[in-house]
Amino acid sequence: MKKSDKFTNNQFDILNKIFDILDINDNNNTFFLSDLDNNIKLQNNILELENDIKTYFACSTWASFSNYNVKRKVLSIIRNLIKNMDYCVISKRKFRKKDNISYRDTIYYIIKNNHI
């Protein structure tokens, strides 16, 4: 039996935990790469779910769980997990301003796939 069939409820629980950590909800479906990079606590909260993810997802081919050198392991986990759960992740470069300094950042949109 596939993990996707056997652990569907557990997978959605983990997805909801990730959404809570990233503050993704009905009113907000985005997060910024710089916010993820600069928040070690947020990264650690996601990494704490690593054992559960390995238990409930077929993730042996994910770069973050293989021997590949991944620059941003947490981002890789987020993207793979969300794609696996019938969502789409779209990234876009965007200018942001902080303390009157403009800089480029990457914004990630989480969108539920609609099947017709």
PDB file of N, CA and C in Angstrom:
ATOM      1  N   MET A   1       0.842  -1.180   0.000  1.00  0.00           N
ATOM      2  CA  MET A   1       0.000   0.000   0.000  1.00  0.00           C
ATOM      3  C   MET A   1       0.890   1.248   0.000  1.00  0.00           C
ATOM      4  N   LYS A   2       0.544   2.222  -0.825  1.00  0.00           N
ATOM      5  CA  LYS A   2       1.298   3.461  -0.910  1.00  0.00           C
ATOM      6  C   LYS A   2       1.139   4.280   0.368  1.00  0.00           C
ATOM      7  N   LYS A   3       2.193   5.043   0.699  1.00  0.00           N
ATOM      8  CA  LYS A   3       2.110   5.922   1.863  1.00  0.00           C
ATOM      9  C   LYS A   3       1.034   6.979   1.675  1.00  0.00           C
ATOM     10  N   SER A   4       0.844   7.421   0.432  1.00  0.00           N
ATOM     11  CA  SER A   4      -0.177   8.450   0.180  1.00  0.00           C
ATOM     12  C   SER A   4      -1.585   7.933   0.469  1.00  0.00           C
ATOM     13  N   ASP A   5      -1.798   6.625   0.324  1.00  0.00           N
ATOM     14  CA  ASP A   5      -3.097   6.041   0.638  1.00  0.00           C
ATOM     15  C   ASP A   5      -3.206   5.690   2.120  1.00  0.00           C
ATOM     16  N   LYS A   6      -2.113   5.208   2.674  1.00  0.00           N
ATOM     17  CA  LYS A   6      -2.115   4.706   4.045  1.00  0.00           C
ATOM     18  C   LYS A   6      -2.115   5.827   5.093  1.00  0.00           C
ATOM     19  N   PHE A   7      -1.412   6.922   4.794  1.00  0.00           N
ATOM     20  CA  PHE A   7      -1.210   7.971   5.798  1.00  0.00           C
ATOM     21  C   PHE A   7      -1.797   9.318   5.386  1.00  0.00           C
ATOM     22  N   THR A   8      -2.892   9.320   4.674  1.00  0.00           N
ATOM     23  CA  THR A   8      -3.464  10.569   4.164  1.00  0.00           C
ATOM     24  C   THR A   8      -3.727  11.575   5.275  1.00  0.00           C
ATOM     25  N   ASN A   9      -4.345  11.159   6.365  1.00  0.00           N
ATOM     26  CA  ASN A   9      -4.649  12.082   7.468  1.00  0.00           C
ATOM     27  C   ASN A   9      -3.374  12.622   8.105  1.00  0.00           C
ATOM     28  N   ASN A  10      -2.379  11.757   8.294  1.00  0.00           N
ATOM     29  CA  ASN A  10      -1.112  12.192   8.876  1.00  0.00           C
ATOM     30  C   ASN A  10      -0.413  13.209   7.962  1.00  0.00           C
ATOM     31  N   GLN A  11      -0.493  12.974   6.649  1.00  0.00           N
ATOM     32  CA  GLN A  11       0.124  13.894   5.709  1.00  0.00           C
ATOM     33  C   GLN A  11      -0.533  15.271   5.767  1.00  0.00           C
ATOM     34  N   PHE A  12      -1.850  15.289   5.858  1.00  0.00           N
ATOM     35  CA  PHE A  12      -2.537  16.583   5.965  1.00  0.00           C
ATOM     36  C   PHE A  12      -2.230  17.267   7.296  1.00  0.00           C
ATOM     37  N   ASP A  13      -2.051  16.505   8.353  1.00  0.00           N
ATOM     38  CA  ASP A  13      -1.651  17.088   9.641  1.00  0.00           C
ATOM     39  C   ASP A  13      -0.296  17.779   9.523  1.00  0.00           C
ATOM     40  N   ILE A  14       0.650  17.125   8.863  1.00  0.00           N
ATOM     41  CA  ILE A  14       1.980  17.712   8.687  1.00  0.00           C
ATOM     42  C   ILE A  14       1.896  18.943   7.797  1.00  0.00           C
ATOM     43  N   LEU A  15       1.119  18.867   6.728  1.00  0.00           N
ATOM     44  CA  LEU A  15       0.942  20.023   5.854  1.00  0.00           C
ATOM     45  C   LEU A  15       0.361  21.201   6.636  1.00  0.00           C
ATOM     46  N   ASN A  16      -0.630  20.948   7.468  1.00  0.00           N
ATOM     47  CA  ASN A  16      -1.219  22.021   8.282  1.00  0.00           C
ATOM     48  C   ASN A  16      -0.210  22.595   9.271  1.00  0.00           C
ATOM     49  N   LYS A  17       0.661  21.755   9.812  1.00  0.00           N
ATOM     50  CA  LYS A  17       1.715  22.249  10.709  1.00  0.00           C
ATOM     51  C   LYS A  17       2.667  23.170   9.952  1.00  0.00           C
ATOM     52  N   ILE A  18       3.032  22.776   8.741  1.00  0.00           N
ATOM     53  CA  ILE A  18       3.902  23.613   7.909  1.00  0.00           C
ATOM     54  C   ILE A  18       3.214  24.939   7.606  1.00  0.00           C
ATOM     55  N   PHE A  19       1.934  24.881   7.250  1.00  0.00           N
ATOM     56  CA  PHE A  19       1.184  26.106   6.982  1.00  0.00           C
ATOM     57  C   PHE A  19       1.118  26.996   8.221  1.00  0.00           C
ATOM     58  N   ASP A  20       0.933  26.414   9.393  1.00  0.00           N
ATOM     59  CA  ASP A  20       0.913  27.199  10.630  1.00  0.00           C
ATOM     60  C   ASP A  20       2.266  27.861  10.866  1.00  0.00           C
ATOM     61  N   ILE A  21       3.330  27.124  10.662  1.00  0.00           N
ATOM     62  CA  ILE A  21       4.674  27.667  10.877  1.00  0.00           C
ATOM     63  C   ILE A  21       4.932  28.827   9.917  1.00  0.00           C
ATOM     64  N   LEU A  22       4.499  28.682   8.670  1.00  0.00           N
ATOM     65  CA  LEU A  22       4.721  29.720   7.656  1.00  0.00           C
ATOM     66  C   LEU A  22       3.651  30.808   7.668  1.00  0.00           C
ATOM     67  N   ASP A  23       2.653  30.646   8.517  1.00  0.00           N
ATOM     68  CA  ASP A  23       1.526  31.572   8.604  1.00  0.00           C
ATOM     69  C   ASP A  23       0.754  31.631   7.280  1.00  0.00           C
ATOM     70  N   ILE A  24       0.562  30.458   6.681  1.00  0.00           N
ATOM     71  CA  ILE A  24      -0.232  30.329   5.457  1.00  0.00           C
ATOM     72  C   ILE A  24      -1.656  29.990   5.880  1.00  0.00           C
ATOM     73  N   ASN A  25      -2.601  30.785   5.382  1.00  0.00           N
ATOM     74  CA  ASN A  25      -4.007  30.552   5.717  1.00  0.00           C
ATOM     75  C   ASN A  25      -4.878  31.075   4.584  1.00  0.00           C
ATOM     76  N   ASP A  26      -6.180  31.158   4.820  1.00  0.00           N
ATOM     77  CA  ASP A  26      -7.104  31.616   3.776  1.00  0.00           C
ATOM     78  C   ASP A  26      -6.826  33.059   3.357  1.00  0.00           C
ATOM     79  N   ASN A  27      -6.279  33.848   4.266  1.00  0.00           N
ATOM     80  CA  ASN A  27      -6.022  35.263   3.970  1.00  0.00           C
ATOM     81  C   ASN A  27      -4.601  35.521   3.480  1.00  0.00           C
ATOM     82  N   ASN A  28      -3.718  34.558   3.640  1.00  0.00           N
ATOM     83  CA  ASN A  28      -2.317  34.735   3.268  1.00  0.00           C
ATOM     84  C   ASN A  28      -1.787  33.434   2.683  1.00  0.00           C
ATOM     85  N   ASN A  29      -1.434  33.465   1.419  1.00  0.00           N
ATOM     86  CA  ASN A  29      -0.903  32.259   0.787  1.00  0.00           C
ATOM     87  C   ASN A  29       0.541  32.445   0.317  1.00  0.00           C
ATOM     88  N   THR A  30       1.263  33.376   0.934  1.00  0.00           N
ATOM     89  CA  THR A  30       2.622  33.676   0.495  1.00  0.00           C
ATOM     90  C   THR A  30       3.606  33.671   1.658  1.00  0.00           C
ATOM     91  N   PHE A  31       4.872  33.471   1.293  1.00  0.00           N
ATOM     92  CA  PHE A  31       5.962  33.715   2.233  1.00  0.00           C
ATOM     93  C   PHE A  31       7.172  34.168   1.423  1.00  0.00           C
ATOM     94  N   PHE A  32       8.059  34.900   2.071  1.00  0.00           N
ATOM     95  CA  PHE A  32       9.251  35.437   1.417  1.00  0.00           C
ATOM     96  C   PHE A  32      10.469  34.614   1.797  1.00  0.00           C
ATOM     97  N   LEU A  33      11.357  34.454   0.831  1.00  0.00           N
ATOM     98  CA  LEU A  33      12.585  33.705   1.058  1.00  0.00           C
ATOM     99  C   LEU A  33      13.441  34.345   2.144  1.00  0.00           C
ATOM    100  N   SER A  34      13.537  35.654   2.154  1.00  0.00           N
ATOM    101  CA  SER A  34      14.363  36.328   3.161  1.00  0.00           C
ATOM    102  C   SER A  34      13.813  36.098   4.568  1.00  0.00           C
ATOM    103  N   ASP A  35      12.497  36.035   4.705  1.00  0.00           N
ATOM    104  CA  ASP A  35      11.903  35.764   6.015  1.00  0.00           C
ATOM    105  C   ASP A  35      12.250  34.355   6.480  1.00  0.00           C
ATOM    106  N   LEU A  36      12.263  33.433   5.548  1.00  0.00           N
ATOM    107  CA  LEU A  36      12.629  32.053   5.871  1.00  0.00           C
ATOM    108  C   LEU A  36      14.117  31.954   6.218  1.00  0.00           C
ATOM    109  N   ASP A  37      14.949  32.607   5.423  1.00  0.00           N
ATOM    110  CA  ASP A  37      16.403  32.563   5.656  1.00  0.00           C
ATOM    111  C   ASP A  37      16.807  33.210   6.974  1.00  0.00           C
ATOM    112  N   ASN A  38      16.108  34.253   7.353  1.00  0.00           N
ATOM    113  CA  ASN A  38      16.503  35.025   8.533  1.00  0.00           C
ATOM    114  C   ASN A  38      15.871  34.550   9.835  1.00  0.00           C
ATOM    115  N   ASN A  39      14.986  33.579   9.773  1.00  0.00           N
ATOM    116  CA  ASN A  39      14.287  33.126  10.968  1.00  0.00           C
ATOM    117  C   ASN A  39      14.712  31.687  11.308  1.00  0.00           C
ATOM    118  N   ILE A  40      15.715  31.569  12.144  1.00  0.00           N
ATOM    119  CA  ILE A  40      16.264  30.258  12.522  1.00  0.00           C
ATOM    120  C   ILE A  40      15.231  29.437  13.289  1.00  0.00           C
ATOM    121  N   LYS A  41      14.429  30.077  14.120  1.00  0.00           N
ATOM    122  CA  LYS A  41      13.400  29.360  14.874  1.00  0.00           C
ATOM    123  C   LYS A  41      12.395  28.710  13.928  1.00  0.00           C
ATOM    124  N   LEU A  42      11.977  29.437  12.917  1.00  0.00           N
ATOM    125  CA  LEU A  42      11.053  28.914  11.925  1.00  0.00           C
ATOM    126  C   LEU A  42      11.673  27.706  11.209  1.00  0.00           C
ATOM    127  N   GLN A  43      12.927  27.829  10.819  1.00  0.00           N
ATOM    128  CA  GLN A  43      13.626  26.729  10.162  1.00  0.00           C
ATOM    129  C   GLN A  43      13.696  25.502  11.069  1.00  0.00           C
ATOM    130  N   ASN A  44      14.018  25.719  12.337  1.00  0.00           N
ATOM    131  CA  ASN A  44      14.110  24.604  13.287  1.00  0.00           C
ATOM    132  C   ASN A  44      12.754  23.935  13.505  1.00  0.00           C
ATOM    133  N   ASN A  45      11.690  24.737  13.535  1.00  0.00           N
ATOM    134  CA  ASN A  45      10.344  24.168  13.686  1.00  0.00           C
ATOM    135  C   ASN A  45      10.005  23.231  12.529  1.00  0.00           C
ATOM    136  N   ILE A  46      10.425  23.597  11.340  1.00  0.00           N
ATOM    137  CA  ILE A  46      10.180  22.742  10.178  1.00  0.00           C
ATOM    138  C   ILE A  46      11.077  21.513  10.223  1.00  0.00           C
ATOM    139  N   LEU A  47      12.335  21.695  10.588  1.00  0.00           N
ATOM    140  CA  LEU A  47      13.258  20.560  10.662  1.00  0.00           C
ATOM    141  C   LEU A  47      12.858  19.556  11.740  1.00  0.00           C
ATOM    142  N   GLU A  48      12.155  20.007  12.766  1.00  0.00           N
ATOM    143  CA  GLU A  48      11.659  19.093  13.805  1.00  0.00           C
ATOM    144  C   GLU A  48      10.629  18.105  13.252  1.00  0.00           C
ATOM    145  N   LEU A  49      10.016  18.437  12.138  1.00  0.00           N
ATOM    146  CA  LEU A  49       9.027  17.555  11.507  1.00  0.00           C
ATOM    147  C   LEU A  49       9.662  16.537  10.572  1.00  0.00           C
ATOM    148  N   GLU A  50      10.988  16.563  10.450  1.00  0.00           N
ATOM    149  CA  GLU A  50      11.692  15.723   9.488  1.00  0.00           C
ATOM    150  C   GLU A  50      11.396  14.232   9.672  1.00  0.00           C
ATOM    151  N   ASN A  51      11.424  13.730  10.887  1.00  0.00           N
ATOM    152  CA  ASN A  51      11.147  12.308  11.118  1.00  0.00           C
ATOM    153  C   ASN A  51       9.716  11.942  10.742  1.00  0.00           C
ATOM    154  N   ASP A  52       8.770  12.806  11.073  1.00  0.00           N
ATOM    155  CA  ASP A  52       7.373  12.561  10.695  1.00  0.00           C
ATOM    156  C   ASP A  52       7.207  12.567   9.178  1.00  0.00           C
ATOM    157  N   ILE A  53       7.885  13.487   8.518  1.00  0.00           N
ATOM    158  CA  ILE A  53       7.806  13.557   7.058  1.00  0.00           C
ATOM    159  C   ILE A  53       8.357  12.273   6.445  1.00  0.00           C
ATOM    160  N   LYS A  54       9.480  11.808   6.960  1.00  0.00           N
ATOM    161  CA  LYS A  54      10.075  10.562   6.452  1.00  0.00           C
ATOM    162  C   LYS A  54       9.159   9.368   6.706  1.00  0.00           C
ATOM    163  N   THR A  55       8.411   9.398   7.803  1.00  0.00           N
ATOM    164  CA  THR A  55       7.510   8.297   8.126  1.00  0.00           C
ATOM    165  C   THR A  55       6.281   8.279   7.224  1.00  0.00           C
ATOM    166  N   TYR A  56       5.702   9.449   6.959  1.00  0.00           N
ATOM    167  CA  TYR A  56       4.405   9.512   6.287  1.00  0.00           C
ATOM    168  C   TYR A  56       4.454   9.853   4.798  1.00  0.00           C
ATOM    169  N   PHE A  57       5.632  10.214   4.275  1.00  0.00           N
ATOM    170  CA  PHE A  57       5.753  10.575   2.865  1.00  0.00           C
ATOM    171  C   PHE A  57       6.795   9.700   2.183  1.00  0.00           C
ATOM    172  N   ALA A  58       6.579   9.419   0.920  1.00  0.00           N
ATOM    173  CA  ALA A  58       7.576   8.727   0.099  1.00  0.00           C
ATOM    174  C   ALA A  58       8.560   9.795  -0.381  1.00  0.00           C
ATOM    175  N   CYS A  59       9.561  10.069   0.429  1.00  0.00           N
ATOM    176  CA  CYS A  59      10.436  11.214   0.185  1.00  0.00           C
ATOM    177  C   CYS A  59      11.892  10.822  -0.086  1.00  0.00           C
ATOM    178  N   SER A  60      12.127   9.578  -0.406  1.00  0.00           N
ATOM    179  CA  SER A  60      13.509   9.142  -0.615  1.00  0.00           C
ATOM    180  C   SER A  60      14.156   9.809  -1.825  1.00  0.00           C
ATOM    181  N   THR A  61      13.349  10.287  -2.769  1.00  0.00           N
ATOM    182  CA  THR A  61      13.901  10.954  -3.950  1.00  0.00           C
ATOM    183  C   THR A  61      14.000  12.470  -3.781  1.00  0.00           C
ATOM    184  N   TRP A  62      13.508  13.000  -2.683  1.00  0.00           N
ATOM    185  CA  TRP A  62      13.605  14.435  -2.438  1.00  0.00           C
ATOM    186  C   TRP A  62      15.066  14.775  -2.174  1.00  0.00           C
ATOM    187  N   ALA A  63      15.562  15.822  -2.786  1.00  0.00           N
ATOM    188  CA  ALA A  63      16.962  16.222  -2.629  1.00  0.00           C
ATOM    189  C   ALA A  63      17.304  16.505  -1.170  1.00  0.00           C
ATOM    190  N   SER A  64      16.371  17.024  -0.419  1.00  0.00           N
ATOM    191  CA  SER A  64      16.633  17.364   0.979  1.00  0.00           C
ATOM    192  C   SER A  64      16.853  16.133   1.863  1.00  0.00           C
ATOM    193  N   PHE A  65      16.394  14.959   1.420  1.00  0.00           N
ATOM    194  CA  PHE A  65      16.556  13.738   2.197  1.00  0.00           C
ATOM    195  C   PHE A  65      17.503  12.740   1.529  1.00  0.00           C
ATOM    196  N   SER A  66      18.191  13.170   0.522  1.00  0.00           N
ATOM    197  CA  SER A  66      19.156  12.295  -0.140  1.00  0.00           C
ATOM    198  C   SER A  66      20.563  12.829   0.129  1.00  0.00           C
ATOM    199  N   ASN A  67      21.519  12.341  -0.569  1.00  0.00           N
ATOM    200  CA  ASN A  67      22.906  12.739  -0.338  1.00  0.00           C
ATOM    201  C   ASN A  67      23.306  13.978  -1.124  1.00  0.00           C
ATOM    202  N   TYR A  68      22.353  14.640  -1.746  1.00  0.00           N
ATOM    203  CA  TYR A  68      22.656  15.848  -2.501  1.00  0.00           C
ATOM    204  C   TYR A  68      22.969  16.993  -1.544  1.00  0.00           C
ATOM    205  N   ASN A  69      23.832  17.881  -1.992  1.00  0.00           N
ATOM    206  CA  ASN A  69      24.151  19.073  -1.216  1.00  0.00           C
ATOM    207  C   ASN A  69      23.111  20.142  -1.564  1.00  0.00           C
ATOM    208  N   VAL A  70      22.168  20.355  -0.672  1.00  0.00           N
ATOM    209  CA  VAL A  70      21.070  21.296  -0.899  1.00  0.00           C
ATOM    210  C   VAL A  70      21.373  22.586  -0.152  1.00  0.00           C
ATOM    211  N   LYS A  71      21.313  23.701  -0.863  1.00  0.00           N
ATOM    212  CA  LYS A  71      21.637  24.993  -0.252  1.00  0.00           C
ATOM    213  C   LYS A  71      20.624  25.376   0.833  1.00  0.00           C
ATOM    214  N   ARG A  72      19.359  25.185   0.541  1.00  0.00           N
ATOM    215  CA  ARG A  72      18.297  25.539   1.492  1.00  0.00           C
ATOM    216  C   ARG A  72      17.428  24.318   1.736  1.00  0.00           C
ATOM    217  N   LYS A  73      17.825  23.517   2.694  1.00  0.00           N
ATOM    218  CA  LYS A  73      17.132  22.259   2.980  1.00  0.00           C
ATOM    219  C   LYS A  73      15.680  22.500   3.375  1.00  0.00           C
ATOM    220  N   VAL A  74      15.441  23.499   4.197  1.00  0.00           N
ATOM    221  CA  VAL A  74      14.077  23.785   4.668  1.00  0.00           C
ATOM    222  C   VAL A  74      13.177  24.171   3.493  1.00  0.00           C
ATOM    223  N   LEU A  75      13.670  25.010   2.613  1.00  0.00           N
ATOM    224  CA  LEU A  75      12.881  25.406   1.440  1.00  0.00           C
ATOM    225  C   LEU A  75      12.601  24.197   0.558  1.00  0.00           C
ATOM    226  N   SER A  76      13.574  23.341   0.397  1.00  0.00           N
ATOM    227  CA  SER A  76      13.391  22.130  -0.396  1.00  0.00           C
ATOM    228  C   SER A  76      12.313  21.233   0.214  1.00  0.00           C
ATOM    229  N   ILE A  77      12.335  21.089   1.523  1.00  0.00           N
ATOM    230  CA  ILE A  77      11.310  20.297   2.215  1.00  0.00           C
ATOM    231  C   ILE A  77       9.929  20.908   1.996  1.00  0.00           C
ATOM    232  N   ILE A  78       9.820  22.209   2.178  1.00  0.00           N
ATOM    233  CA  ILE A  78       8.534  22.899   2.013  1.00  0.00           C
ATOM    234  C   ILE A  78       7.999  22.694   0.600  1.00  0.00           C
ATOM    235  N   ARG A  79       8.833  22.949  -0.389  1.00  0.00           N
ATOM    236  CA  ARG A  79       8.387  22.851  -1.782  1.00  0.00           C
ATOM    237  C   ARG A  79       7.952  21.428  -2.132  1.00  0.00           C
ATOM    238  N   ASN A  80       8.743  20.431  -1.755  1.00  0.00           N
ATOM    239  CA  ASN A  80       8.402  19.046  -2.068  1.00  0.00           C
ATOM    240  C   ASN A  80       7.140  18.593  -1.340  1.00  0.00           C
ATOM    241  N   LEU A  81       7.026  18.962  -0.093  1.00  0.00           N
ATOM    242  CA  LEU A  81       5.863  18.561   0.695  1.00  0.00           C
ATOM    243  C   LEU A  81       4.584  19.158   0.109  1.00  0.00           C
ATOM    244  N   ILE A  82       4.626  20.437  -0.202  1.00  0.00           N
ATOM    245  CA  ILE A  82       3.446  21.118  -0.720  1.00  0.00           C
ATOM    246  C   ILE A  82       3.064  20.570  -2.093  1.00  0.00           C
ATOM    247  N   LYS A  83       4.051  20.339  -2.955  1.00  0.00           N
ATOM    248  CA  LYS A  83       3.759  19.772  -4.274  1.00  0.00           C
ATOM    249  C   LYS A  83       3.168  18.372  -4.149  1.00  0.00           C
ATOM    250  N   ASN A  84       3.650  17.618  -3.180  1.00  0.00           N
ATOM    251  CA  ASN A  84       3.161  16.256  -2.964  1.00  0.00           C
ATOM    252  C   ASN A  84       1.707  16.234  -2.503  1.00  0.00           C
ATOM    253  N   MET A  85       1.245  17.317  -1.899  1.00  0.00           N
ATOM    254  CA  MET A  85      -0.102  17.383  -1.334  1.00  0.00           C
ATOM    255  C   MET A  85      -1.083  18.117  -2.247  1.00  0.00           C
ATOM    256  N   ASP A  86      -0.826  18.100  -3.550  1.00  0.00           N
ATOM    257  CA  ASP A  86      -1.742  18.643  -4.545  1.00  0.00           C
ATOM    258  C   ASP A  86      -1.869  20.166  -4.473  1.00  0.00           C
ATOM    259  N   TYR A  87      -0.771  20.804  -4.119  1.00  0.00           N
ATOM    260  CA  TYR A  87      -0.689  22.254  -4.177  1.00  0.00           C
ATOM    261  C   TYR A  87       0.384  22.615  -5.193  1.00  0.00           C
ATOM    262  N   CYS A  88       0.377  23.840  -5.604  1.00  0.00           N
ATOM    263  CA  CYS A  88       1.370  24.340  -6.544  1.00  0.00           C
ATOM    264  C   CYS A  88       2.171  25.438  -5.832  1.00  0.00           C
ATOM    265  N   VAL A  89       3.462  25.450  -6.059  1.00  0.00           N
ATOM    266  CA  VAL A  89       4.322  26.486  -5.501  1.00  0.00           C
ATOM    267  C   VAL A  89       4.864  27.312  -6.653  1.00  0.00           C
ATOM    268  N   ILE A  90       4.579  28.601  -6.626  1.00  0.00           N
ATOM    269  CA  ILE A  90       5.043  29.509  -7.669  1.00  0.00           C
ATOM    270  C   ILE A  90       5.934  30.554  -7.010  1.00  0.00           C
ATOM    271  N   SER A  91       7.079  30.773  -7.599  1.00  0.00           N
ATOM    272  CA  SER A  91       7.987  31.788  -7.054  1.00  0.00           C
ATOM    273  C   SER A  91       8.125  32.937  -8.035  1.00  0.00           C
ATOM    274  N   LYS A  92       8.364  34.111  -7.473  1.00  0.00           N
ATOM    275  CA  LYS A  92       8.495  35.308  -8.288  1.00  0.00           C
ATOM    276  C   LYS A  92       9.454  36.265  -7.584  1.00  0.00           C
ATOM    277  N   ARG A  93      10.308  36.891  -8.353  1.00  0.00           N
ATOM    278  CA  ARG A  93      11.203  37.902  -7.790  1.00  0.00           C
ATOM    279  C   ARG A  93      10.414  39.185  -7.583  1.00  0.00           C
ATOM    280  N   LYS A  94      10.675  39.853  -6.471  1.00  0.00           N
ATOM    281  CA  LYS A  94       9.909  41.044  -6.128  1.00  0.00           C
ATOM    282  C   LYS A  94      10.817  42.007  -5.371  1.00  0.00           C
ATOM    283  N   PHE A  95      10.597  43.296  -5.576  1.00  0.00           N
ATOM    284  CA  PHE A  95      11.329  44.293  -4.809  1.00  0.00           C
ATOM    285  C   PHE A  95      10.609  44.541  -3.502  1.00  0.00           C
ATOM    286  N   ARG A  96      11.382  44.608  -2.432  1.00  0.00           N
ATOM    287  CA  ARG A  96      10.846  44.943  -1.107  1.00  0.00           C
ATOM    288  C   ARG A  96      11.635  46.120  -0.566  1.00  0.00           C
ATOM    289  N   LYS A  97      11.054  46.767   0.407  1.00  0.00           N
ATOM    290  CA  LYS A  97      11.709  47.900   1.020  1.00  0.00           C
ATOM    291  C   LYS A  97      11.740  47.697   2.529  1.00  0.00           C
ATOM    292  N   LYS A  98      12.914  47.902   3.103  1.00  0.00           N
ATOM    293  CA  LYS A  98      13.057  47.820   4.546  1.00  0.00           C
ATOM    294  C   LYS A  98      14.031  48.903   4.971  1.00  0.00           C
ATOM    295  N   ASP A  99      13.608  49.716   5.908  1.00  0.00           N
ATOM    296  CA  ASP A  99      14.428  50.840   6.381  1.00  0.00           C
ATOM    297  C   ASP A  99      14.896  51.714   5.211  1.00  0.00           C
ATOM    298  N   ASN A 100      13.980  52.000   4.299  1.00  0.00           N
ATOM    299  CA  ASN A 100      14.235  52.824   3.113  1.00  0.00           C
ATOM    300  C   ASN A 100      15.307  52.254   2.191  1.00  0.00           C
ATOM    301  N   ILE A 101      15.553  50.973   2.284  1.00  0.00           N
ATOM    302  CA  ILE A 101      16.493  50.305   1.390  1.00  0.00           C
ATOM    303  C   ILE A 101      15.721  49.280   0.576  1.00  0.00           C
ATOM    304  N   SER A 102      15.812  49.399  -0.737  1.00  0.00           N
ATOM    305  CA  SER A 102      15.140  48.449  -1.619  1.00  0.00           C
ATOM    306  C   SER A 102      16.054  47.260  -1.876  1.00  0.00           C
ATOM    307  N   TYR A 103      15.459  46.091  -1.929  1.00  0.00           N
ATOM    308  CA  TYR A 103      16.216  44.889  -2.249  1.00  0.00           C
ATOM    309  C   TYR A 103      15.299  43.896  -2.945  1.00  0.00           C
ATOM    310  N   ARG A 104      15.916  42.989  -3.696  1.00  0.00           N
ATOM    311  CA  ARG A 104      15.154  41.956  -4.386  1.00  0.00           C
ATOM    312  C   ARG A 104      14.994  40.759  -3.479  1.00  0.00           C
ATOM    313  N   ASP A 105      13.819  40.198  -3.536  1.00  0.00           N
ATOM    314  CA  ASP A 105      13.514  39.035  -2.722  1.00  0.00           C
ATOM    315  C   ASP A 105      12.674  38.086  -3.583  1.00  0.00           C
ATOM    316  N   THR A 106      12.535  36.879  -3.105  1.00  0.00           N
ATOM    317  CA  THR A 106      11.690  35.910  -3.794  1.00  0.00           C
ATOM    318  C   THR A 106      10.453  35.658  -2.950  1.00  0.00           C
ATOM    319  N   ILE A 107       9.306  35.783  -3.573  1.00  0.00           N
ATOM    320  CA  ILE A 107       8.050  35.501  -2.890  1.00  0.00           C
ATOM    321  C   ILE A 107       7.525  34.170  -3.424  1.00  0.00           C
ATOM    322  N   TYR A 108       7.010  33.344  -2.528  1.00  0.00           N
ATOM    323  CA  TYR A 108       6.447  32.045  -2.886  1.00  0.00           C
ATOM    324  C   TYR A 108       4.946  32.078  -2.663  1.00  0.00           C
ATOM    325  N   TYR A 109       4.204  31.686  -3.691  1.00  0.00           N
ATOM    326  CA  TYR A 109       2.752  31.595  -3.627  1.00  0.00           C
ATOM    327  C   TYR A 109       2.375  30.122  -3.512  1.00  0.00           C
ATOM    328  N   ILE A 110       1.495  29.812  -2.570  1.00  0.00           N
ATOM    329  CA  ILE A 110       0.991  28.453  -2.379  1.00  0.00           C
ATOM    330  C   ILE A 110      -0.440  28.431  -2.907  1.00  0.00           C
ATOM    331  N   ILE A 111      -0.664  27.621  -3.924  1.00  0.00           N
ATOM    332  CA  ILE A 111      -1.974  27.602  -4.580  1.00  0.00           C
ATOM    333  C   ILE A 111      -2.483  26.167  -4.641  1.00  0.00           C
ATOM    334  N   LYS A 112      -3.719  25.972  -4.246  1.00  0.00           N
ATOM    335  CA  LYS A 112      -4.351  24.654  -4.299  1.00  0.00           C
ATOM    336  C   LYS A 112      -4.679  24.330  -5.742  1.00  0.00           C
ATOM    337  N   ASN A 113      -4.254  23.134  -6.186  1.00  0.00           N
ATOM    338  CA  ASN A 113      -4.597  22.692  -7.535  1.00  0.00           C
ATOM    339  C   ASN A 113      -6.083  22.353  -7.583  1.00  0.00           C
ATOM    340  N   ASN A 114      -6.760  22.845  -8.589  1.00  0.00           N
ATOM    341  CA  ASN A 114      -8.183  22.547  -8.784  1.00  0.00           C
ATOM    342  C   ASN A 114      -8.319  21.548  -9.903  1.00  0.00           C
ATOM    343  N   HIS A 115      -8.961  20.443  -9.605  1.00  0.00           N
ATOM    344  CA  HIS A 115      -9.207  19.442 -10.627  1.00  0.00           C
ATOM    345  C   HIS A 115     -10.606  19.611 -11.169  1.00  0.00           C
ATOM    346  N   ILE A 116     -10.704  19.639 -12.469  1.00  0.00           N
ATOM    347  CA  ILE A 116     -11.999  19.848 -13.112  1.00  0.00           C
ATOM    348  C   ILE A 116     -12.571  18.515 -13.531  1.00  0.00           C
TER     349      ILE A 116
END
